[in-house]
Amino acid sequence: MSEIKNISISFREFHNQNELGAEDQELIEASVEAARSAYAPYSLFRVGAAIRLESGRIVRGANVENAAFPSGICAERTALAAAITNYPDDRPVTLAISAISVDGSPAEQLTPCGNCRQVIAEEESRWSRQIRILLAGKNKILELDGIGQLLPLQFNRSSLRPDRP
């Protein structure tokens, strides 16, 4: 007999960046700075990501587009790759994501694409800890405890090797 199951998510919503602590405000500003450096001549949608590592370091990434569209890379994956490459033993604690419009003003709310969600899930799996996520939009900021709230039925290492945590 089949059953209907439900998945629900919880998140916190802030309507003003000043409602956040100083470290989170700094991280969001770093993600906005990263968005300003994005290379997005095709979509004109500039996205920035900033990761605070356990040491307190902030690593930034921006989307980089390419005329051969599959060759581009998202801001979240750029930032995570930079953190893993440059600070392999420094665990990511919080990831902030922002976008800016063509005129340089904050863009509406956005969430990571499917590829980015999977990469964030892998990083959480690697450290066996959630990465807190801040999604900064024009009129609000969403705070999520981890990628499970955006990708509840994950494919991860336990999918490949059920005998490993």
N, C-alpha and C. Protein backbone atom coordinates (compact mmCIF):
# COMPACT_ATOMS: atom_id res chain seq x y z
N MET A 1 0.85 -1.17 0.00
CA MET A 1 0.00 0.00 0.00
C MET A 1 0.90 1.24 0.00
N SER A 2 0.63 2.15 -0.89
CA SER A 2 1.45 3.38 -0.96
C SER A 2 0.97 4.40 0.07
N GLU A 3 1.89 5.26 0.42
CA GLU A 3 1.58 6.34 1.37
C GLU A 3 1.97 7.66 0.75
N ILE A 4 1.25 8.68 1.07
CA ILE A 4 1.64 10.03 0.67
C ILE A 4 2.46 10.61 1.79
N LYS A 5 3.65 11.08 1.45
CA LYS A 5 4.55 11.70 2.42
C LYS A 5 4.69 13.17 2.07
N ASN A 6 4.99 14.00 3.05
CA ASN A 6 5.18 15.43 2.83
C ASN A 6 6.58 15.83 3.25
N ILE A 7 7.10 16.78 2.53
CA ILE A 7 8.37 17.40 2.90
C ILE A 7 8.07 18.87 3.11
N SER A 8 8.52 19.39 4.22
CA SER A 8 8.35 20.82 4.47
C SER A 8 9.70 21.41 4.84
N ILE A 9 9.84 22.70 4.62
CA ILE A 9 11.09 23.36 4.98
C ILE A 9 10.79 24.50 5.94
N SER A 10 11.78 24.84 6.70
CA SER A 10 11.69 25.98 7.61
C SER A 10 12.87 26.90 7.30
N PHE A 11 12.61 28.18 7.39
CA PHE A 11 13.68 29.16 7.23
C PHE A 11 13.28 30.42 7.97
N ARG A 12 14.27 31.24 8.24
CA ARG A 12 14.02 32.51 8.87
C ARG A 12 14.04 33.59 7.81
N GLU A 13 13.19 34.58 7.94
CA GLU A 13 13.11 35.66 6.97
C GLU A 13 13.36 36.99 7.69
N PHE A 14 14.28 37.75 7.13
CA PHE A 14 14.61 39.07 7.66
C PHE A 14 14.25 40.09 6.59
N HIS A 15 13.71 41.21 7.00
CA HIS A 15 13.31 42.24 6.04
C HIS A 15 14.31 43.38 5.95
N ASN A 16 15.34 43.30 6.76
CA ASN A 16 16.35 44.35 6.76
C ASN A 16 17.68 43.73 7.16
N GLN A 17 18.72 44.05 6.44
CA GLN A 17 20.05 43.50 6.71
C GLN A 17 20.51 43.85 8.13
N ASN A 18 20.03 44.96 8.67
CA ASN A 18 20.42 45.38 10.02
C ASN A 18 19.88 44.45 11.10
N GLU A 19 18.95 43.57 10.75
CA GLU A 19 18.44 42.59 11.71
C GLU A 19 19.44 41.46 11.94
N LEU A 20 20.45 41.38 11.08
CA LEU A 20 21.47 40.33 11.17
C LEU A 20 22.64 40.80 12.01
N GLY A 21 23.43 39.84 12.50
CA GLY A 21 24.65 40.16 13.22
C GLY A 21 25.69 40.76 12.28
N ALA A 22 26.70 41.37 12.86
CA ALA A 22 27.75 42.05 12.09
C ALA A 22 28.47 41.10 11.13
N GLU A 23 28.75 39.87 11.56
CA GLU A 23 29.44 38.91 10.68
C GLU A 23 28.60 38.57 9.46
N ASP A 24 27.29 38.39 9.66
CA ASP A 24 26.42 38.07 8.53
C ASP A 24 26.28 39.26 7.59
N GLN A 25 26.21 40.46 8.14
CA GLN A 25 26.15 41.66 7.30
C GLN A 25 27.43 41.76 6.46
N GLU A 26 28.56 41.51 7.08
CA GLU A 26 29.84 41.55 6.37
C GLU A 26 29.88 40.51 5.25
N LEU A 27 29.35 39.32 5.51
CA LEU A 27 29.36 38.25 4.52
C LEU A 27 28.45 38.59 3.34
N ILE A 28 27.29 39.17 3.62
CA ILE A 28 26.39 39.57 2.53
C ILE A 28 27.04 40.67 1.69
N GLU A 29 27.68 41.63 2.34
CA GLU A 29 28.39 42.69 1.60
C GLU A 29 29.48 42.09 0.72
N ALA A 30 30.18 41.08 1.22
CA ALA A 30 31.21 40.41 0.43
C ALA A 30 30.59 39.70 -0.78
N SER A 31 29.40 39.14 -0.62
CA SER A 31 28.73 38.49 -1.75
C SER A 31 28.29 39.52 -2.79
N VAL A 32 27.87 40.69 -2.34
CA VAL A 32 27.49 41.77 -3.27
C VAL A 32 28.73 42.26 -4.02
N GLU A 33 29.85 42.42 -3.31
CA GLU A 33 31.10 42.82 -3.97
C GLU A 33 31.49 41.79 -5.02
N ALA A 34 31.36 40.52 -4.68
CA ALA A 34 31.68 39.46 -5.63
C ALA A 34 30.77 39.56 -6.86
N ALA A 35 29.50 39.84 -6.65
CA ALA A 35 28.56 39.97 -7.78
C ALA A 35 28.99 41.09 -8.72
N ARG A 36 29.52 42.15 -8.16
CA ARG A 36 29.98 43.27 -9.00
C ARG A 36 31.11 42.86 -9.94
N SER A 37 31.87 41.82 -9.55
CA SER A 37 32.99 41.38 -10.39
C SER A 37 32.60 40.25 -11.33
N ALA A 38 31.33 39.86 -11.32
CA ALA A 38 30.88 38.75 -12.19
C ALA A 38 31.07 39.10 -13.66
N TYR A 39 31.29 38.07 -14.46
CA TYR A 39 31.37 38.23 -15.91
C TYR A 39 30.09 37.62 -16.47
N ALA A 40 29.12 38.48 -16.78
CA ALA A 40 27.80 38.01 -17.21
C ALA A 40 27.30 38.80 -18.42
N PRO A 41 28.05 38.76 -19.56
CA PRO A 41 27.65 39.56 -20.72
C PRO A 41 26.41 39.04 -21.43
N TYR A 42 26.00 37.82 -21.17
CA TYR A 42 24.88 37.22 -21.88
C TYR A 42 23.57 37.36 -21.10
N SER A 43 23.58 36.97 -19.84
CA SER A 43 22.36 37.05 -19.03
C SER A 43 22.21 38.41 -18.36
N LEU A 44 23.30 39.12 -18.20
CA LEU A 44 23.34 40.39 -17.46
C LEU A 44 22.88 40.19 -16.01
N PHE A 45 22.94 38.96 -15.55
CA PHE A 45 22.53 38.60 -14.19
C PHE A 45 23.80 38.26 -13.42
N ARG A 46 24.23 39.18 -12.58
CA ARG A 46 25.50 39.02 -11.87
C ARG A 46 25.24 38.50 -10.46
N VAL A 47 25.84 37.36 -10.18
CA VAL A 47 25.63 36.69 -8.89
C VAL A 47 26.97 36.60 -8.17
N GLY A 48 26.91 36.82 -6.87
CA GLY A 48 28.10 36.69 -6.03
C GLY A 48 27.82 35.79 -4.86
N ALA A 49 28.85 35.08 -4.44
CA ALA A 49 28.75 34.22 -3.26
C ALA A 49 29.95 34.50 -2.38
N ALA A 50 29.75 34.41 -1.09
CA ALA A 50 30.83 34.57 -0.13
C ALA A 50 30.66 33.51 0.94
N ILE A 51 31.77 32.86 1.27
CA ILE A 51 31.75 31.80 2.27
C ILE A 51 32.62 32.21 3.44
N ARG A 52 32.05 32.11 4.63
CA ARG A 52 32.86 32.31 5.84
C ARG A 52 33.33 30.93 6.28
N LEU A 53 34.64 30.81 6.39
CA LEU A 53 35.23 29.56 6.84
C LEU A 53 35.34 29.56 8.36
N GLU A 54 35.58 28.40 8.92
CA GLU A 54 35.64 28.27 10.37
C GLU A 54 36.70 29.20 10.98
N SER A 55 37.77 29.46 10.25
CA SER A 55 38.83 30.35 10.74
C SER A 55 38.40 31.81 10.75
N GLY A 56 37.27 32.12 10.09
CA GLY A 56 36.82 33.50 9.96
C GLY A 56 37.13 34.10 8.59
N ARG A 57 37.99 33.43 7.81
CA ARG A 57 38.29 33.90 6.46
C ARG A 57 37.02 33.95 5.63
N ILE A 58 37.00 34.89 4.68
CA ILE A 58 35.90 34.96 3.73
C ILE A 58 36.46 34.70 2.34
N VAL A 59 35.84 33.78 1.63
CA VAL A 59 36.23 33.44 0.26
C VAL A 59 35.06 33.81 -0.64
N ARG A 60 35.36 34.50 -1.73
CA ARG A 60 34.32 34.97 -2.65
C ARG A 60 34.35 34.22 -3.97
N GLY A 61 33.21 34.26 -4.65
CA GLY A 61 33.10 33.72 -5.99
C GLY A 61 32.02 34.47 -6.75
N ALA A 62 32.15 34.51 -8.07
CA ALA A 62 31.17 35.18 -8.92
C ALA A 62 30.85 34.27 -10.09
N ASN A 63 29.67 34.48 -10.68
CA ASN A 63 29.36 33.71 -11.87
C ASN A 63 30.24 34.19 -13.03
N VAL A 64 30.62 33.24 -13.87
CA VAL A 64 31.46 33.53 -15.03
C VAL A 64 30.80 32.84 -16.22
N GLU A 65 30.26 33.65 -17.13
CA GLU A 65 29.55 33.10 -18.28
C GLU A 65 30.51 32.86 -19.45
N ASN A 66 30.03 32.09 -20.39
CA ASN A 66 30.81 31.74 -21.56
C ASN A 66 29.85 31.65 -22.75
N ALA A 67 30.32 32.02 -23.94
CA ALA A 67 29.47 31.94 -25.13
C ALA A 67 28.99 30.50 -25.36
N ALA A 68 29.79 29.52 -24.99
CA ALA A 68 29.36 28.12 -24.99
C ALA A 68 28.72 27.89 -23.62
N PHE A 69 27.41 28.15 -23.53
CA PHE A 69 26.72 28.25 -22.24
C PHE A 69 27.05 27.16 -21.22
N PRO A 70 27.18 25.90 -21.59
CA PRO A 70 27.49 24.92 -20.53
C PRO A 70 28.86 25.13 -19.90
N SER A 71 29.69 25.96 -20.49
CA SER A 71 31.05 26.15 -19.97
C SER A 71 31.12 27.20 -18.86
N GLY A 72 30.05 27.91 -18.60
CA GLY A 72 30.05 28.89 -17.52
C GLY A 72 30.02 28.21 -16.17
N ILE A 73 30.19 29.01 -15.13
CA ILE A 73 30.14 28.46 -13.77
C ILE A 73 29.43 29.45 -12.85
N CYS A 74 28.69 28.92 -11.92
CA CYS A 74 27.93 29.73 -10.97
C CYS A 74 28.81 30.27 -9.86
N ALA A 75 28.34 31.31 -9.21
CA ALA A 75 29.08 31.95 -8.12
C ALA A 75 29.31 31.00 -6.95
N GLU A 76 28.30 30.23 -6.60
CA GLU A 76 28.42 29.33 -5.45
C GLU A 76 29.51 28.29 -5.68
N ARG A 77 29.54 27.71 -6.87
CA ARG A 77 30.56 26.70 -7.15
C ARG A 77 31.94 27.33 -7.27
N THR A 78 32.01 28.56 -7.79
CA THR A 78 33.29 29.26 -7.86
C THR A 78 33.84 29.48 -6.46
N ALA A 79 33.00 29.96 -5.55
CA ALA A 79 33.44 30.23 -4.18
C ALA A 79 33.83 28.93 -3.46
N LEU A 80 33.01 27.90 -3.60
CA LEU A 80 33.34 26.63 -2.94
C LEU A 80 34.64 26.04 -3.49
N ALA A 81 34.82 26.11 -4.80
CA ALA A 81 36.06 25.58 -5.39
C ALA A 81 37.27 26.35 -4.88
N ALA A 82 37.15 27.66 -4.77
CA ALA A 82 38.25 28.48 -4.26
C ALA A 82 38.55 28.13 -2.80
N ALA A 83 37.51 27.95 -2.01
CA ALA A 83 37.71 27.60 -0.60
C ALA A 83 38.39 26.24 -0.45
N ILE A 84 37.91 25.26 -1.21
CA ILE A 84 38.47 23.91 -1.13
C ILE A 84 39.92 23.91 -1.61
N THR A 85 40.19 24.64 -2.68
CA THR A 85 41.53 24.67 -3.25
C THR A 85 42.52 25.39 -2.35
N ASN A 86 42.12 26.55 -1.82
CA ASN A 86 43.06 27.38 -1.07
C ASN A 86 43.08 27.10 0.43
N TYR A 87 41.99 26.56 0.97
CA TYR A 87 41.89 26.31 2.41
C TYR A 87 41.24 24.95 2.65
N PRO A 88 41.89 23.87 2.22
CA PRO A 88 41.26 22.55 2.25
C PRO A 88 40.90 22.04 3.65
N ASP A 89 41.54 22.57 4.67
CA ASP A 89 41.27 22.10 6.03
C ASP A 89 40.43 23.08 6.85
N ASP A 90 39.86 24.07 6.18
CA ASP A 90 39.09 25.12 6.85
C ASP A 90 37.62 24.97 6.44
N ARG A 91 36.82 24.48 7.35
CA ARG A 91 35.42 24.11 7.06
C ARG A 91 34.55 25.33 6.75
N PRO A 92 33.72 25.25 5.69
CA PRO A 92 32.76 26.32 5.42
C PRO A 92 31.65 26.32 6.47
N VAL A 93 31.35 27.49 7.00
CA VAL A 93 30.35 27.62 8.05
C VAL A 93 29.07 28.26 7.50
N THR A 94 29.24 29.37 6.76
CA THR A 94 28.09 30.11 6.24
C THR A 94 28.36 30.52 4.80
N LEU A 95 27.35 30.42 3.97
CA LEU A 95 27.42 30.82 2.56
C LEU A 95 26.36 31.88 2.32
N ALA A 96 26.78 33.05 1.83
CA ALA A 96 25.83 34.11 1.47
C ALA A 96 25.81 34.24 -0.05
N ILE A 97 24.62 34.42 -0.61
CA ILE A 97 24.44 34.54 -2.05
C ILE A 97 23.62 35.78 -2.34
N SER A 98 24.11 36.61 -3.27
CA SER A 98 23.43 37.84 -3.67
C SER A 98 23.48 37.97 -5.18
N ALA A 99 22.59 38.76 -5.72
CA ALA A 99 22.64 39.09 -7.14
C ALA A 99 22.36 40.57 -7.29
N ILE A 100 22.91 41.14 -8.36
CA ILE A 100 22.65 42.54 -8.64
C ILE A 100 22.11 42.68 -10.05
N SER A 101 21.24 43.65 -10.21
CA SER A 101 20.62 43.93 -11.50
C SER A 101 21.59 44.68 -12.40
N VAL A 102 21.20 44.86 -13.63
CA VAL A 102 22.02 45.56 -14.60
C VAL A 102 22.41 46.95 -14.11
N ASP A 103 21.48 47.61 -13.42
CA ASP A 103 21.76 48.97 -12.94
C ASP A 103 22.58 48.99 -11.64
N GLY A 104 22.97 47.82 -11.14
CA GLY A 104 23.78 47.74 -9.94
C GLY A 104 23.00 47.65 -8.65
N SER A 105 21.67 47.68 -8.72
CA SER A 105 20.85 47.58 -7.51
C SER A 105 20.64 46.10 -7.15
N PRO A 106 20.28 45.82 -5.90
CA PRO A 106 20.04 44.43 -5.50
C PRO A 106 18.93 43.80 -6.35
N ALA A 107 19.12 42.56 -6.70
CA ALA A 107 18.13 41.81 -7.49
C ALA A 107 17.14 41.15 -6.53
N GLU A 108 16.08 40.62 -7.10
CA GLU A 108 15.07 39.90 -6.32
C GLU A 108 15.70 38.64 -5.74
N GLN A 109 14.95 37.98 -4.88
CA GLN A 109 15.39 36.76 -4.22
C GLN A 109 15.85 35.71 -5.23
N LEU A 110 16.89 35.00 -4.92
CA LEU A 110 17.32 33.91 -5.76
C LEU A 110 17.72 32.74 -4.88
N THR A 111 17.76 31.57 -5.46
CA THR A 111 18.23 30.38 -4.76
C THR A 111 19.23 29.68 -5.66
N PRO A 112 20.09 28.84 -5.10
CA PRO A 112 21.07 28.13 -5.92
C PRO A 112 20.40 27.22 -6.94
N CYS A 113 21.03 27.07 -8.09
CA CYS A 113 20.53 26.14 -9.11
C CYS A 113 20.75 24.70 -8.62
N GLY A 114 20.25 23.76 -9.36
CA GLY A 114 20.38 22.35 -8.98
C GLY A 114 21.82 21.89 -8.86
N ASN A 115 22.68 22.29 -9.81
CA ASN A 115 24.09 21.90 -9.73
C ASN A 115 24.73 22.43 -8.46
N CYS A 116 24.46 23.69 -8.15
CA CYS A 116 25.04 24.30 -6.95
C CYS A 116 24.52 23.63 -5.69
N ARG A 117 23.24 23.30 -5.67
CA ARG A 117 22.68 22.61 -4.51
C ARG A 117 23.41 21.30 -4.28
N GLN A 118 23.67 20.58 -5.35
CA GLN A 118 24.35 19.29 -5.23
C GLN A 118 25.78 19.47 -4.73
N VAL A 119 26.47 20.50 -5.21
CA VAL A 119 27.84 20.76 -4.77
C VAL A 119 27.87 21.17 -3.29
N ILE A 120 26.92 21.99 -2.87
CA ILE A 120 26.83 22.36 -1.46
C ILE A 120 26.55 21.12 -0.61
N ALA A 121 25.66 20.25 -1.10
CA ALA A 121 25.35 19.01 -0.38
C ALA A 121 26.59 18.15 -0.22
N GLU A 122 27.40 18.08 -1.25
CA GLU A 122 28.63 17.29 -1.18
C GLU A 122 29.58 17.86 -0.14
N GLU A 123 29.68 19.18 -0.08
CA GLU A 123 30.57 19.81 0.90
C GLU A 123 30.06 19.58 2.31
N GLU A 124 28.75 19.62 2.51
CA GLU A 124 28.20 19.29 3.82
C GLU A 124 28.50 17.83 4.17
N SER A 125 28.37 16.95 3.20
CA SER A 125 28.65 15.54 3.42
C SER A 125 30.12 15.32 3.77
N ARG A 126 30.99 16.03 3.08
CA ARG A 126 32.44 15.90 3.31
C ARG A 126 32.79 16.25 4.75
N TRP A 127 32.15 17.29 5.29
CA TRP A 127 32.46 17.75 6.65
C TRP A 127 31.51 17.17 7.69
N SER A 128 30.48 16.47 7.26
CA SER A 128 29.44 15.94 8.16
C SER A 128 28.83 17.05 9.02
N ARG A 129 28.69 18.23 8.42
CA ARG A 129 28.10 19.39 9.09
C ARG A 129 27.36 20.22 8.06
N GLN A 130 26.28 20.85 8.49
CA GLN A 130 25.53 21.73 7.60
C GLN A 130 26.27 23.04 7.37
N ILE A 131 26.00 23.63 6.22
CA ILE A 131 26.50 24.97 5.90
C ILE A 131 25.29 25.89 5.94
N ARG A 132 25.33 26.86 6.83
CA ARG A 132 24.24 27.84 6.93
C ARG A 132 24.22 28.67 5.67
N ILE A 133 23.03 28.97 5.15
CA ILE A 133 22.91 29.67 3.88
C ILE A 133 22.09 30.94 4.07
N LEU A 134 22.62 32.06 3.56
CA LEU A 134 21.91 33.34 3.56
C LEU A 134 21.62 33.71 2.11
N LEU A 135 20.35 33.87 1.78
CA LEU A 135 19.94 34.25 0.44
C LEU A 135 19.47 35.71 0.51
N ALA A 136 20.31 36.61 0.03
CA ALA A 136 20.03 38.04 0.16
C ALA A 136 19.35 38.56 -1.09
N GLY A 137 18.13 39.03 -0.94
CA GLY A 137 17.38 39.60 -2.06
C GLY A 137 17.09 41.07 -1.84
N LYS A 138 16.40 41.64 -2.79
CA LYS A 138 16.10 43.07 -2.77
C LYS A 138 15.33 43.50 -1.52
N ASN A 139 14.34 42.70 -1.12
CA ASN A 139 13.46 43.10 -0.02
C ASN A 139 13.52 42.21 1.20
N LYS A 140 14.32 41.16 1.15
CA LYS A 140 14.39 40.26 2.29
C LYS A 140 15.63 39.38 2.21
N ILE A 141 15.95 38.78 3.32
CA ILE A 141 17.05 37.83 3.42
C ILE A 141 16.48 36.57 4.04
N LEU A 142 16.74 35.45 3.40
CA LEU A 142 16.31 34.16 3.95
C LEU A 142 17.53 33.47 4.56
N GLU A 143 17.33 32.87 5.72
CA GLU A 143 18.39 32.13 6.39
C GLU A 143 17.94 30.68 6.50
N LEU A 144 18.77 29.78 5.96
CA LEU A 144 18.47 28.36 6.01
C LEU A 144 19.58 27.66 6.80
N ASP A 145 19.22 26.63 7.53
CA ASP A 145 20.20 25.93 8.35
C ASP A 145 21.16 25.08 7.53
N GLY A 146 20.76 24.68 6.34
CA GLY A 146 21.61 23.85 5.50
C GLY A 146 20.93 23.58 4.17
N ILE A 147 21.64 22.90 3.30
CA ILE A 147 21.14 22.67 1.94
C ILE A 147 19.96 21.69 1.92
N GLY A 148 19.78 20.91 2.97
CA GLY A 148 18.65 19.98 3.04
C GLY A 148 17.31 20.67 2.92
N GLN A 149 17.27 21.95 3.26
CA GLN A 149 16.01 22.69 3.14
C GLN A 149 15.71 23.04 1.68
N LEU A 150 16.72 23.04 0.83
CA LEU A 150 16.51 23.30 -0.60
C LEU A 150 16.65 22.03 -1.44
N LEU A 151 17.25 21.01 -0.88
CA LEU A 151 17.48 19.75 -1.58
C LEU A 151 17.24 18.60 -0.60
N PRO A 152 15.95 18.36 -0.27
CA PRO A 152 15.65 17.40 0.80
C PRO A 152 15.95 15.94 0.47
N LEU A 153 15.80 15.52 -0.75
CA LEU A 153 16.07 14.13 -1.12
C LEU A 153 17.38 14.10 -1.90
N GLN A 154 18.48 14.13 -1.17
CA GLN A 154 19.80 14.29 -1.78
C GLN A 154 20.39 12.98 -2.29
N PHE A 155 21.18 13.14 -3.32
CA PHE A 155 22.08 12.08 -3.77
C PHE A 155 23.42 12.43 -3.17
N ASN A 156 23.94 11.57 -2.28
CA ASN A 156 25.22 11.86 -1.65
C ASN A 156 26.01 10.57 -1.47
N ARG A 157 27.08 10.64 -0.70
CA ARG A 157 27.97 9.48 -0.56
C ARG A 157 27.25 8.26 -0.02
N SER A 158 26.24 8.45 0.81
CA SER A 158 25.51 7.29 1.32
C SER A 158 24.67 6.64 0.22
N SER A 159 24.38 7.39 -0.85
CA SER A 159 23.68 6.81 -2.00
C SER A 159 24.58 5.83 -2.74
N LEU A 160 25.86 6.11 -2.75
CA LEU A 160 26.83 5.27 -3.44
C LEU A 160 27.34 4.14 -2.56
N ARG A 161 27.57 4.46 -1.30
CA ARG A 161 28.13 3.51 -0.36
C ARG A 161 27.33 3.53 0.93
N PRO A 162 26.24 2.78 1.00
CA PRO A 162 25.39 2.80 2.19
C PRO A 162 26.14 2.43 3.48
N ASP A 163 27.30 1.78 3.36
CA ASP A 163 28.05 1.38 4.54
C ASP A 163 28.90 2.52 5.12
N ARG A 164 28.93 3.68 4.42
CA ARG A 164 29.71 4.83 4.89
C ARG A 164 28.77 5.94 5.34
N PRO A 165 29.10 6.61 6.43
CA PRO A 165 28.26 7.73 6.88
C PRO A 165 28.38 8.93 5.97
